[in-house]
PDB file of N, CA and C in Angstrom:
ATOM      1  N   MET A   1      -9.072   4.876   2.661  1.00  0.00           N
ATOM      2  CA  MET A   1      -8.633   3.493   2.788  1.00  0.00           C
ATOM      3  C   MET A   1      -9.720   2.763   3.546  1.00  0.00           C
ATOM      4  N   GLU A   2      -9.989   1.568   3.040  1.00  0.00           N
ATOM      5  CA  GLU A   2     -10.935   0.677   3.708  1.00  0.00           C
ATOM      6  C   GLU A   2     -10.241  -0.570   4.131  1.00  0.00           C
ATOM      7  N   ILE A   3     -10.515  -1.000   5.341  1.00  0.00           N
ATOM      8  CA  ILE A   3      -9.898  -2.230   5.866  1.00  0.00           C
ATOM      9  C   ILE A   3     -10.942  -3.337   5.884  1.00  0.00           C
ATOM     10  N   CYS A   4     -10.725  -4.427   5.204  1.00  0.00           N
ATOM     11  CA  CYS A   4     -11.665  -5.490   5.080  1.00  0.00           C
ATOM     12  C   CYS A   4     -11.033  -6.832   5.467  1.00  0.00           C
ATOM     13  N   PRO A   5     -11.785  -7.688   6.086  1.00  0.00           N
ATOM     14  CA  PRO A   5     -11.230  -9.017   6.390  1.00  0.00           C
ATOM     15  C   PRO A   5     -10.945  -9.762   5.162  1.00  0.00           C
ATOM     16  N   GLU A   6      -9.773 -10.389   5.094  1.00  0.00           N
ATOM     17  CA  GLU A   6      -9.460 -11.164   3.945  1.00  0.00           C
ATOM     18  C   GLU A   6      -9.714 -12.660   4.182  1.00  0.00           C
ATOM     19  N   ASP A   7      -9.632 -13.070   5.441  1.00  0.00           N
ATOM     20  CA  ASP A   7      -9.727 -14.460   5.782  1.00  0.00           C
ATOM     21  C   ASP A   7     -10.414 -14.578   7.127  1.00  0.00           C
ATOM     22  N   THR A   8     -11.411 -15.414   7.231  1.00  0.00           N
ATOM     23  CA  THR A   8     -12.102 -15.619   8.452  1.00  0.00           C
ATOM     24  C   THR A   8     -11.898 -17.072   8.997  1.00  0.00           C
ATOM     25  N   GLN A   9     -10.926 -17.713   8.413  1.00  0.00           N
ATOM     26  CA  GLN A   9     -10.660 -19.125   8.779  1.00  0.00           C
ATOM     27  C   GLN A   9     -10.128 -19.173  10.196  1.00  0.00           C
ATOM     28  N   ILE A  10     -10.463 -20.280  10.865  1.00  0.00           N
ATOM     29  CA  ILE A  10      -9.917 -20.500  12.183  1.00  0.00           C
ATOM     30  C   ILE A  10      -8.827 -21.473  12.025  1.00  0.00           C
ATOM     31  N   TYR A  11      -7.601 -21.150  12.426  1.00  0.00           N
ATOM     32  CA  TYR A  11      -6.436 -21.979  12.299  1.00  0.00           C
ATOM     33  C   TYR A  11      -6.233 -22.739  13.608  1.00  0.00           C
ATOM     34  N   THR A  12      -5.755 -23.953  13.528  1.00  0.00           N
ATOM     35  CA  THR A  12      -5.571 -24.856  14.672  1.00  0.00           C
ATOM     36  C   THR A  12      -4.149 -24.785  15.199  1.00  0.00           C
ATOM     37  N   ASN A  13      -3.242 -24.307  14.413  1.00  0.00           N
ATOM     38  CA  ASN A  13      -1.884 -24.143  14.819  1.00  0.00           C
ATOM     39  C   ASN A  13      -1.156 -22.990  14.135  1.00  0.00           C
ATOM     40  N   MET A  14      -0.093 -22.519  14.779  1.00  0.00           N
ATOM     41  CA  MET A  14       0.544 -21.343  14.208  1.00  0.00           C
ATOM     42  C   MET A  14       1.253 -21.642  12.869  1.00  0.00           C
ATOM     43  N   GLN A  15       1.671 -22.835  12.614  1.00  0.00           N
ATOM     44  CA  GLN A  15       2.326 -23.204  11.341  1.00  0.00           C
ATOM     45  C   GLN A  15       1.374 -23.015  10.199  1.00  0.00           C
ATOM     46  N   GLU A  16       0.115 -23.381  10.329  1.00  0.00           N
ATOM     47  CA  GLU A  16      -0.922 -23.202   9.307  1.00  0.00           C
ATOM     48  C   GLU A  16      -1.055 -21.785   8.945  1.00  0.00           C
ATOM     49  N   LEU A  17      -1.093 -20.911   9.972  1.00  0.00           N
ATOM     50  CA  LEU A  17      -1.244 -19.519   9.792  1.00  0.00           C
ATOM     51  C   LEU A  17      -0.023 -18.955   9.121  1.00  0.00           C
ATOM     52  N   ALA A  18       1.145 -19.321   9.561  1.00  0.00           N
ATOM     53  CA  ALA A  18       2.421 -18.801   9.017  1.00  0.00           C
ATOM     54  C   ALA A  18       2.502 -19.136   7.554  1.00  0.00           C
ATOM     55  N   ASP A  19       2.111 -20.354   7.159  1.00  0.00           N
ATOM     56  CA  ASP A  19       2.103 -20.779   5.792  1.00  0.00           C
ATOM     57  C   ASP A  19       1.238 -19.943   4.844  1.00  0.00           C
ATOM     58  N   GLU A  20       0.168 -19.308   5.429  1.00  0.00           N
ATOM     59  CA  GLU A  20      -0.755 -18.519   4.636  1.00  0.00           C
ATOM     60  C   GLU A  20      -0.275 -17.067   4.444  1.00  0.00           C
ATOM     61  N   LEU A  21       0.700 -16.591   5.233  1.00  0.00           N
ATOM     62  CA  LEU A  21       1.114 -15.206   5.125  1.00  0.00           C
ATOM     63  C   LEU A  21       1.882 -14.969   3.819  1.00  0.00           C
ATOM     64  N   PRO A  22       1.590 -13.894   3.171  1.00  0.00           N
ATOM     65  CA  PRO A  22       2.304 -13.541   1.917  1.00  0.00           C
ATOM     66  C   PRO A  22       3.720 -13.029   2.224  1.00  0.00           C
ATOM     67  N   ASP A  23       4.600 -13.238   1.262  1.00  0.00           N
ATOM     68  CA  ASP A  23       5.991 -12.775   1.404  1.00  0.00           C
ATOM     69  C   ASP A  23       6.219 -11.299   1.348  1.00  0.00           C
ATOM     70  N   ASN A  24       5.389 -10.634   0.592  1.00  0.00           N
ATOM     71  CA  ASN A  24       5.631  -9.213   0.277  1.00  0.00           C
ATOM     72  C   ASN A  24       4.459  -8.241   0.649  1.00  0.00           C
ATOM     73  N   THR A  25       3.525  -8.698   1.459  1.00  0.00           N
ATOM     74  CA  THR A  25       2.352  -7.873   1.787  1.00  0.00           C
ATOM     75  C   THR A  25       2.108  -7.930   3.200  1.00  0.00           C
ATOM     76  N   PRO A  26       1.922  -6.733   3.856  1.00  0.00           N
ATOM     77  CA  PRO A  26       1.624  -6.719   5.339  1.00  0.00           C
ATOM     78  C   PRO A  26       0.245  -7.289   5.604  1.00  0.00           C
ATOM     79  N   ARG A  27       0.032  -7.633   6.852  1.00  0.00           N
ATOM     80  CA  ARG A  27      -1.263  -8.155   7.294  1.00  0.00           C
ATOM     81  C   ARG A  27      -1.414  -7.797   8.805  1.00  0.00           C
ATOM     82  N   TYR A  28      -2.680  -7.655   9.156  1.00  0.00           N
ATOM     83  CA  TYR A  28      -3.071  -7.598  10.580  1.00  0.00           C
ATOM     84  C   TYR A  28      -3.689  -8.934  10.950  1.00  0.00           C
ATOM     85  N   ILE A  29      -3.328  -9.450  12.063  1.00  0.00           N
ATOM     86  CA  ILE A  29      -3.880 -10.726  12.486  1.00  0.00           C
ATOM     87  C   ILE A  29      -4.465 -10.564  13.888  1.00  0.00           C
ATOM     88  N   LEU A  30      -5.710 -10.891  14.071  1.00  0.00           N
ATOM     89  CA  LEU A  30      -6.349 -10.890  15.335  1.00  0.00           C
ATOM     90  C   LEU A  30      -6.282 -12.313  15.905  1.00  0.00           C
ATOM     91  N   LEU A  31      -5.611 -12.421  17.061  1.00  0.00           N
ATOM     92  CA  LEU A  31      -5.321 -13.786  17.539  1.00  0.00           C
ATOM     93  C   LEU A  31      -5.860 -13.889  18.998  1.00  0.00           C
ATOM     94  N   SER A  32      -6.647 -14.945  19.199  1.00  0.00           N
ATOM     95  CA  SER A  32      -7.018 -15.353  20.545  1.00  0.00           C
ATOM     96  C   SER A  32      -6.421 -16.786  20.731  1.00  0.00           C
ATOM     97  N   TYR A  33      -5.434 -16.825  21.644  1.00  0.00           N
ATOM     98  CA  TYR A  33      -4.650 -18.047  21.710  1.00  0.00           C
ATOM     99  C   TYR A  33      -4.611 -18.583  23.169  1.00  0.00           C
ATOM    100  N   PRO A  34      -5.247 -19.743  23.413  1.00  0.00           N
ATOM    101  CA  PRO A  34      -5.218 -20.261  24.796  1.00  0.00           C
ATOM    102  C   PRO A  34      -3.847 -20.825  25.160  1.00  0.00           C
ATOM    103  N   LEU A  35      -3.378 -20.497  26.336  1.00  0.00           N
ATOM    104  CA  LEU A  35      -2.098 -21.029  26.780  1.00  0.00           C
ATOM    105  C   LEU A  35      -2.148 -21.184  28.294  1.00  0.00           C
ATOM    106  N   THR A  36      -1.219 -22.009  28.798  1.00  0.00           N
ATOM    107  CA  THR A  36      -1.070 -22.214  30.247  1.00  0.00           C
ATOM    108  C   THR A  36       0.199 -21.522  30.670  1.00  0.00           C
ATOM    109  N   LEU A  37       0.004 -20.629  31.645  1.00  0.00           N
ATOM    110  CA  LEU A  37       1.194 -19.886  32.117  1.00  0.00           C
ATOM    111  C   LEU A  37       1.976 -20.733  33.115  1.00  0.00           C
ATOM    112  N   SER A  38       3.202 -20.347  33.408  1.00  0.00           N
ATOM    113  CA  SER A  38       4.068 -21.070  34.244  1.00  0.00           C
ATOM    114  C   SER A  38       3.486 -21.318  35.688  1.00  0.00           C
ATOM    115  N   SER A  39       2.535 -20.453  36.085  1.00  0.00           N
ATOM    116  CA  SER A  39       1.841 -20.624  37.340  1.00  0.00           C
ATOM    117  C   SER A  39       0.770 -21.660  37.236  1.00  0.00           C
ATOM    118  N   GLY A  40       0.481 -22.202  36.050  1.00  0.00           N
ATOM    119  CA  GLY A  40      -0.568 -23.147  35.884  1.00  0.00           C
ATOM    120  C   GLY A  40      -1.873 -22.604  35.554  1.00  0.00           C
ATOM    121  N   ARG A  41      -1.976 -21.301  35.526  1.00  0.00           N
ATOM    122  CA  ARG A  41      -3.247 -20.599  35.200  1.00  0.00           C
ATOM    123  C   ARG A  41      -3.466 -20.547  33.678  1.00  0.00           C
ATOM    124  N   LEU A  42      -4.698 -20.777  33.273  1.00  0.00           N
ATOM    125  CA  LEU A  42      -5.093 -20.706  31.883  1.00  0.00           C
ATOM    126  C   LEU A  42      -5.300 -19.274  31.473  1.00  0.00           C
ATOM    127  N   SER A  43      -4.767 -18.897  30.339  1.00  0.00           N
ATOM    128  CA  SER A  43      -4.887 -17.496  29.856  1.00  0.00           C
ATOM    129  C   SER A  43      -5.308 -17.569  28.346  1.00  0.00           C
ATOM    130  N   VAL A  44      -6.161 -16.676  27.940  1.00  0.00           N
ATOM    131  CA  VAL A  44      -6.533 -16.633  26.521  1.00  0.00           C
ATOM    132  C   VAL A  44      -6.439 -15.164  26.056  1.00  0.00           C
ATOM    133  N   PRO A  45      -5.174 -14.703  25.842  1.00  0.00           N
ATOM    134  CA  PRO A  45      -5.001 -13.306  25.413  1.00  0.00           C
ATOM    135  C   PRO A  45      -5.562 -13.017  24.048  1.00  0.00           C
ATOM    136  N   TYR A  46      -6.100 -11.887  23.846  1.00  0.00           N
ATOM    137  CA  TYR A  46      -6.608 -11.429  22.516  1.00  0.00           C
ATOM    138  C   TYR A  46      -5.687 -10.317  22.064  1.00  0.00           C
ATOM    139  N   VAL A  47      -4.908 -10.603  20.978  1.00  0.00           N
ATOM    140  CA  VAL A  47      -3.867  -9.679  20.603  1.00  0.00           C
ATOM    141  C   VAL A  47      -4.005  -9.387  19.122  1.00  0.00           C
ATOM    142  N   LEU A  48      -3.436  -8.247  18.747  1.00  0.00           N
ATOM    143  CA  LEU A  48      -3.327  -7.815  17.349  1.00  0.00           C
ATOM    144  C   LEU A  48      -1.858  -8.045  16.948  1.00  0.00           C
ATOM    145  N   ILE A  49      -1.651  -8.776  15.871  1.00  0.00           N
ATOM    146  CA  ILE A  49      -0.307  -8.980  15.356  1.00  0.00           C
ATOM    147  C   ILE A  49      -0.175  -8.177  14.083  1.00  0.00           C
ATOM    148  N   ASN A  50       0.829  -7.332  14.026  1.00  0.00           N
ATOM    149  CA  ASN A  50       1.096  -6.534  12.840  1.00  0.00           C
ATOM    150  C   ASN A  50       2.251  -7.178  12.086  1.00  0.00           C
ATOM    151  N   TYR A  51       1.934  -7.894  10.992  1.00  0.00           N
ATOM    152  CA  TYR A  51       2.957  -8.563  10.176  1.00  0.00           C
ATOM    153  C   TYR A  51       3.362  -7.632   9.083  1.00  0.00           C
ATOM    154  N   LEU A  52       4.645  -7.190   9.092  1.00  0.00           N
ATOM    155  CA  LEU A  52       5.162  -6.293   8.177  1.00  0.00           C
ATOM    156  C   LEU A  52       6.497  -6.777   7.603  1.00  0.00           C
ATOM    157  N   PRO A  53       6.448  -7.594   6.564  1.00  0.00           N
ATOM    158  CA  PRO A  53       7.702  -8.136   6.042  1.00  0.00           C
ATOM    159  C   PRO A  53       8.603  -7.089   5.411  1.00  0.00           C
ATOM    160  N   PRO A  54       9.887  -7.289   5.505  1.00  0.00           N
ATOM    161  CA  PRO A  54      10.873  -6.276   5.037  1.00  0.00           C
ATOM    162  C   PRO A  54      10.790  -6.057   3.525  1.00  0.00           C
ATOM    163  N   THR A  55      10.246  -6.985   2.810  1.00  0.00           N
ATOM    164  CA  THR A  55      10.173  -6.902   1.336  1.00  0.00           C
ATOM    165  C   THR A  55       8.906  -6.175   0.816  1.00  0.00           C
ATOM    166  N   CYS A  56       8.017  -5.684   1.736  1.00  0.00           N
ATOM    167  CA  CYS A  56       6.864  -5.037   1.228  1.00  0.00           C
ATOM    168  C   CYS A  56       7.191  -3.575   0.760  1.00  0.00           C
ATOM    169  N   SER A  57       6.332  -3.042  -0.049  1.00  0.00           N
ATOM    170  CA  SER A  57       6.610  -1.703  -0.641  1.00  0.00           C
ATOM    171  C   SER A  57       6.510  -0.607   0.448  1.00  0.00           C
ATOM    172  N   ALA A  58       7.126   0.511   0.168  1.00  0.00           N
ATOM    173  CA  ALA A  58       7.106   1.624   1.083  1.00  0.00           C
ATOM    174  C   ALA A  58       5.668   2.153   1.206  1.00  0.00           C
ATOM    175  N   GLU A  59       4.909   2.150   0.134  1.00  0.00           N
ATOM    176  CA  GLU A  59       3.532   2.568   0.197  1.00  0.00           C
ATOM    177  C   GLU A  59       2.705   1.730   1.096  1.00  0.00           C
ATOM    178  N   ASN A  60       2.884   0.397   1.071  1.00  0.00           N
ATOM    179  CA  ASN A  60       2.146  -0.484   2.003  1.00  0.00           C
ATOM    180  C   ASN A  60       2.583  -0.291   3.417  1.00  0.00           C
ATOM    181  N   ARG A  61       3.874  -0.059   3.644  1.00  0.00           N
ATOM    182  CA  ARG A  61       4.363   0.184   5.041  1.00  0.00           C
ATOM    183  C   ARG A  61       3.669   1.429   5.560  1.00  0.00           C
ATOM    184  N   MET A  62       3.575   2.487   4.783  1.00  0.00           N
ATOM    185  CA  MET A  62       2.933   3.684   5.268  1.00  0.00           C
ATOM    186  C   MET A  62       1.420   3.510   5.532  1.00  0.00           C
ATOM    187  N   LEU A  63       0.733   2.797   4.655  1.00  0.00           N
ATOM    188  CA  LEU A  63      -0.687   2.534   4.861  1.00  0.00           C
ATOM    189  C   LEU A  63      -0.935   1.739   6.139  1.00  0.00           C
ATOM    190  N   TYR A  64      -0.149   0.721   6.345  1.00  0.00           N
ATOM    191  CA  TYR A  64      -0.374  -0.147   7.517  1.00  0.00           C
ATOM    192  C   TYR A  64       0.046   0.531   8.795  1.00  0.00           C
ATOM    193  N   ALA A  65       1.079   1.352   8.708  1.00  0.00           N
ATOM    194  CA  ALA A  65       1.558   2.020   9.944  1.00  0.00           C
ATOM    195  C   ALA A  65       0.466   3.062  10.312  1.00  0.00           C
ATOM    196  N   GLY A  66      -0.135   3.691   9.335  1.00  0.00           N
ATOM    197  CA  GLY A  66      -1.202   4.731   9.635  1.00  0.00           C
ATOM    198  C   GLY A  66      -2.479   4.146  10.230  1.00  0.00           C
ATOM    199  N   ALA A  67      -2.749   2.942   9.926  1.00  0.00           N
ATOM    200  CA  ALA A  67      -4.013   2.320  10.363  1.00  0.00           C
ATOM    201  C   ALA A  67      -3.845   1.446  11.603  1.00  0.00           C
ATOM    202  N   LYS A  68      -2.595   1.262  12.039  1.00  0.00           N
ATOM    203  CA  LYS A  68      -2.336   0.302  13.162  1.00  0.00           C
ATOM    204  C   LYS A  68      -3.153   0.599  14.408  1.00  0.00           C
ATOM    205  N   GLU A  69      -3.083   1.841  14.864  1.00  0.00           N
ATOM    206  CA  GLU A  69      -3.838   2.188  16.150  1.00  0.00           C
ATOM    207  C   GLU A  69      -5.328   2.187  15.992  1.00  0.00           C
ATOM    208  N   LEU A  70      -5.779   2.483  14.780  1.00  0.00           N
ATOM    209  CA  LEU A  70      -7.248   2.377  14.491  1.00  0.00           C
ATOM    210  C   LEU A  70      -7.712   0.946  14.629  1.00  0.00           C
ATOM    211  N   ILE A  71      -6.977   0.049  13.968  1.00  0.00           N
ATOM    212  CA  ILE A  71      -7.302  -1.388  14.080  1.00  0.00           C
ATOM    213  C   ILE A  71      -7.229  -1.879  15.518  1.00  0.00           C
ATOM    214  N   ARG A  72      -6.185  -1.473  16.253  1.00  0.00           N
ATOM    215  CA  ARG A  72      -6.014  -1.927  17.620  1.00  0.00           C
ATOM    216  C   ARG A  72      -7.258  -1.495  18.487  1.00  0.00           C
ATOM    217  N   SER A  73      -7.569  -0.175  18.372  1.00  0.00           N
ATOM    218  CA  SER A  73      -8.656   0.329  19.204  1.00  0.00           C
ATOM    219  C   SER A  73     -10.012  -0.238  18.768  1.00  0.00           C
ATOM    220  N   THR A  74     -10.208  -0.403  17.480  1.00  0.00           N
ATOM    221  CA  THR A  74     -11.547  -0.949  16.969  1.00  0.00           C
ATOM    222  C   THR A  74     -11.695  -2.391  17.395  1.00  0.00           C
ATOM    223  N   SER A  75     -10.612  -3.096  17.330  1.00  0.00           N
ATOM    224  CA  SER A  75     -10.654  -4.582  17.657  1.00  0.00           C
ATOM    225  C   SER A  75     -10.637  -4.824  19.138  1.00  0.00           C
ATOM    226  N   GLU A  76     -10.282  -3.781  19.907  1.00  0.00           N
ATOM    227  CA  GLU A  76     -10.144  -3.932  21.383  1.00  0.00           C
ATOM    228  C   GLU A  76      -9.116  -5.001  21.799  1.00  0.00           C
ATOM    229  N   ALA A  77      -8.103  -5.159  21.024  1.00  0.00           N
ATOM    230  CA  ALA A  77      -7.041  -6.109  21.352  1.00  0.00           C
ATOM    231  C   ALA A  77      -6.302  -5.618  22.565  1.00  0.00           C
ATOM    232  N   GLY A  78      -5.902  -6.543  23.424  1.00  0.00           N
ATOM    233  CA  GLY A  78      -5.258  -6.162  24.617  1.00  0.00           C
ATOM    234  C   GLY A  78      -3.733  -5.840  24.413  1.00  0.00           C
ATOM    235  N   ARG A  79      -3.210  -6.277  23.343  1.00  0.00           N
ATOM    236  CA  ARG A  79      -1.739  -6.085  23.076  1.00  0.00           C
ATOM    237  C   ARG A  79      -1.461  -6.049  21.634  1.00  0.00           C
ATOM    238  N   LEU A  80      -0.446  -5.321  21.230  1.00  0.00           N
ATOM    239  CA  LEU A  80       0.027  -5.274  19.897  1.00  0.00           C
ATOM    240  C   LEU A  80       1.372  -5.918  19.797  1.00  0.00           C
ATOM    241  N   ILE A  81       1.554  -6.915  18.929  1.00  0.00           N
ATOM    242  CA  ILE A  81       2.820  -7.553  18.699  1.00  0.00           C
ATOM    243  C   ILE A  81       3.242  -7.329  17.259  1.00  0.00           C
ATOM    244  N   GLU A  82       4.408  -6.922  17.030  1.00  0.00           N
ATOM    245  CA  GLU A  82       4.930  -6.653  15.663  1.00  0.00           C
ATOM    246  C   GLU A  82       5.910  -7.733  15.254  1.00  0.00           C
ATOM    247  N   ILE A  83       5.690  -8.293  14.077  1.00  0.00           N
ATOM    248  CA  ILE A  83       6.579  -9.309  13.544  1.00  0.00           C
ATOM    249  C   ILE A  83       6.939  -8.939  12.097  1.00  0.00           C
ATOM    250  N   ASP A  84       8.100  -9.410  11.630  1.00  0.00           N
ATOM    251  CA  ASP A  84       8.475  -9.147  10.293  1.00  0.00           C
ATOM    252  C   ASP A  84       8.714 -10.395   9.457  1.00  0.00           C
ATOM    253  N   SER A  85       8.516 -11.589  10.047  1.00  0.00           N
ATOM    254  CA  SER A  85       8.606 -12.836   9.277  1.00  0.00           C
ATOM    255  C   SER A  85       7.562 -13.833   9.794  1.00  0.00           C
ATOM    256  N   ALA A  86       7.119 -14.678   8.922  1.00  0.00           N
ATOM    257  CA  ALA A  86       6.084 -15.676   9.243  1.00  0.00           C
ATOM    258  C   ALA A  86       6.695 -16.625  10.345  1.00  0.00           C
ATOM    259  N   GLU A  87       7.986 -16.830  10.309  1.00  0.00           N
ATOM    260  CA  GLU A  87       8.573 -17.798  11.241  1.00  0.00           C
ATOM    261  C   GLU A  87       8.421 -17.348  12.705  1.00  0.00           C
ATOM    262  N   GLU A  88       8.291 -16.007  12.897  1.00  0.00           N
ATOM    263  CA  GLU A  88       8.128 -15.526  14.249  1.00  0.00           C
ATOM    264  C   GLU A  88       6.799 -15.981  14.900  1.00  0.00           C
ATOM    265  N   LEU A  89       5.831 -16.392  14.104  1.00  0.00           N
ATOM    266  CA  LEU A  89       4.589 -16.909  14.668  1.00  0.00           C
ATOM    267  C   LEU A  89       4.814 -18.160  15.457  1.00  0.00           C
ATOM    268  N   GLU A  90       5.774 -18.924  15.049  1.00  0.00           N
ATOM    269  CA  GLU A  90       6.097 -20.215  15.707  1.00  0.00           C
ATOM    270  C   GLU A  90       6.518 -19.995  17.130  1.00  0.00           C
ATOM    271  N   GLU A  91       7.009 -18.797  17.466  1.00  0.00           N
ATOM    272  CA  GLU A  91       7.440 -18.412  18.830  1.00  0.00           C
ATOM    273  C   GLU A  91       6.450 -17.589  19.576  1.00  0.00           C
ATOM    274  N   ILE A  92       5.306 -17.459  19.021  1.00  0.00           N
ATOM    275  CA  ILE A  92       4.314 -16.540  19.616  1.00  0.00           C
ATOM    276  C   ILE A  92       3.863 -16.928  21.047  1.00  0.00           C
ATOM    277  N   GLU A  93       3.879 -18.182  21.298  1.00  0.00           N
ATOM    278  CA  GLU A  93       3.469 -18.645  22.676  1.00  0.00           C
ATOM    279  C   GLU A  93       4.408 -18.051  23.729  1.00  0.00           C
ATOM    280  N   GLU A  94       5.717 -18.118  23.475  1.00  0.00           N
ATOM    281  CA  GLU A  94       6.710 -17.531  24.375  1.00  0.00           C
ATOM    282  C   GLU A  94       6.548 -16.032  24.515  1.00  0.00           C
ATOM    283  N   VAL A  95       6.225 -15.366  23.418  1.00  0.00           N
ATOM    284  CA  VAL A  95       6.001 -13.893  23.487  1.00  0.00           C
ATOM    285  C   VAL A  95       4.770 -13.559  24.289  1.00  0.00           C
ATOM    286  N   LEU A  96       3.712 -14.376  24.142  1.00  0.00           N
ATOM    287  CA  LEU A  96       2.419 -14.158  24.850  1.00  0.00           C
ATOM    288  C   LEU A  96       2.611 -14.389  26.362  1.00  0.00           C
ATOM    289  N   LYS A  97       3.502 -15.361  26.672  1.00  0.00           N
ATOM    290  CA  LYS A  97       3.786 -15.660  28.114  1.00  0.00           C
ATOM    291  C   LYS A  97       4.749 -14.668  28.705  1.00  0.00           C
ATOM    292  N   GLY A  98       5.344 -13.786  27.871  1.00  0.00           N
ATOM    293  CA  GLY A  98       6.255 -12.799  28.378  1.00  0.00           C
ATOM    294  C   GLY A  98       7.687 -13.404  28.484  1.00  0.00           C
ATOM    295  N   GLU A  99       7.998 -14.455  27.765  1.00  0.00           N
ATOM    296  CA  GLU A  99       9.245 -15.073  27.811  1.00  0.00           C
ATOM    297  C   GLU A  99      10.124 -14.670  26.594  1.00  0.00           C
ATOM    298  N   ASP A 100       9.777 -13.578  25.962  1.00  0.00           N
ATOM    299  CA  ASP A 100      10.566 -13.084  24.836  1.00  0.00           C
ATOM    300  C   ASP A 100      11.783 -12.352  25.335  1.00  0.00           C
TER     301      ASP A 100
END
Protein backbone atom coordinates (compact mmCIF):
# COMPACT_ATOMS: atom_id res chain seq x y z
CA MET A 1 0.00 0.00 0.00
CA GLU A 2 1.23 3.48 -0.84
CA ILE A 3 -0.06 6.61 0.85
CA CYS A 4 -0.01 9.70 -1.36
CA PRO A 5 -1.26 13.24 -0.80
CA GLU A 6 -4.48 13.85 -2.67
CA ASP A 7 -4.83 17.52 -1.93
CA THR A 8 -2.33 20.14 -0.87
CA GLN A 9 -4.79 23.02 -0.82
CA ILE A 10 -4.82 25.30 2.19
CA TYR A 11 -8.36 25.79 3.45
CA THR A 12 -9.37 28.98 5.23
CA ASN A 13 -12.26 27.47 7.19
CA MET A 14 -13.57 24.11 8.29
CA GLN A 15 -16.71 24.33 6.14
CA GLU A 16 -14.62 24.43 2.94
CA LEU A 17 -12.74 21.34 4.05
CA ALA A 18 -15.92 19.53 5.12
CA ASP A 19 -17.47 20.21 1.71
CA GLU A 20 -14.52 18.49 0.01
CA LEU A 21 -14.72 15.23 1.98
CA PRO A 22 -16.19 12.29 0.07
CA ASP A 23 -19.27 10.52 1.43
CA ASN A 24 -17.97 6.96 1.06
CA THR A 25 -14.17 7.10 1.25
CA PRO A 26 -11.92 7.52 4.30
CA ARG A 27 -9.30 10.26 4.47
CA TYR A 28 -6.44 11.37 6.68
CA ILE A 29 -6.30 15.11 7.28
CA LEU A 30 -3.26 16.89 8.70
CA LEU A 31 -4.49 20.02 10.40
CA SER A 32 -2.63 22.96 11.87
CA TYR A 33 -5.33 25.18 13.34
CA PRO A 34 -4.65 28.42 15.25
CA LEU A 35 -6.98 29.05 18.18
CA THR A 36 -7.15 31.09 21.34
CA LEU A 37 -7.60 29.10 24.54
CA SER A 38 -9.87 30.23 27.38
CA SER A 39 -6.74 31.46 29.19
CA GLY A 40 -6.12 33.87 26.29
CA ARG A 41 -3.05 31.94 25.14
CA LEU A 42 -2.60 31.33 21.40
CA SER A 43 -2.20 27.67 20.44
CA VAL A 44 -1.56 26.09 17.04
CA PRO A 45 -2.01 22.34 17.49
CA TYR A 46 -0.86 20.00 14.71
CA VAL A 47 -3.24 17.05 14.58
CA LEU A 48 -4.09 14.09 12.42
CA ILE A 49 -7.79 13.66 11.71
CA ASN A 50 -8.92 10.20 10.69
CA TYR A 51 -12.14 10.62 8.69
CA LEU A 52 -13.88 7.24 8.43
CA PRO A 53 -17.48 7.55 7.20
CA PRO A 54 -19.82 4.70 8.15
CA THR A 55 -20.68 4.11 4.48
CA CYS A 56 -17.13 3.20 3.37
CA SER A 57 -16.29 -0.36 2.40
CA ALA A 58 -14.92 -2.89 4.87
CA GLU A 59 -11.77 -3.15 2.75
CA ASN A 60 -11.12 0.60 3.03
CA ARG A 61 -11.80 0.49 6.78
CA MET A 62 -9.14 -2.19 7.20
CA LEU A 63 -6.60 -0.36 5.01
CA TYR A 64 -7.00 2.92 6.83
CA ALA A 65 -7.02 1.31 10.27
CA GLY A 66 -3.78 -0.50 9.47
CA ALA A 67 -1.98 2.66 8.34
CA LYS A 68 -3.26 5.05 11.01
CA GLU A 69 -0.31 4.78 13.42
CA LEU A 70 2.22 4.89 10.57
CA ILE A 71 0.70 8.15 9.32
CA ARG A 72 0.59 9.57 12.84
CA SER A 73 4.24 8.79 13.59
CA THR A 74 5.49 9.84 10.14
CA SER A 75 3.62 13.15 10.26
CA GLU A 76 4.64 13.74 13.90
CA ALA A 77 1.12 14.95 14.66
CA GLY A 78 0.59 15.69 18.33
CA ARG A 79 -2.87 14.21 18.52
CA LEU A 80 -5.19 11.86 16.64
CA ILE A 81 -8.86 12.80 16.29
CA GLU A 82 -11.31 10.35 14.78
CA ILE A 83 -14.48 11.54 13.05
CA ASP A 84 -17.12 9.75 11.01
CA SER A 85 -18.93 12.69 9.41
CA ALA A 86 -17.86 15.87 7.67
CA GLU A 87 -20.14 17.85 9.98
CA GLU A 88 -17.88 16.99 12.92
CA LEU A 89 -15.21 19.27 11.41
CA GLU A 90 -17.41 22.26 12.22
CA GLU A 91 -16.94 21.44 15.93
CA ILE A 92 -13.20 20.80 15.69
CA GLU A 93 -12.25 23.99 17.55
CA GLU A 94 -14.09 22.80 20.68
CA VAL A 95 -12.42 19.40 20.39
CA LEU A 96 -8.98 21.00 20.05
CA LYS A 97 -9.62 23.19 23.07
CA GLY A 98 -10.63 20.12 25.06
CA GLU A 99 -14.26 21.17 25.30
CA ASP A 100 -15.61 17.98 23.73
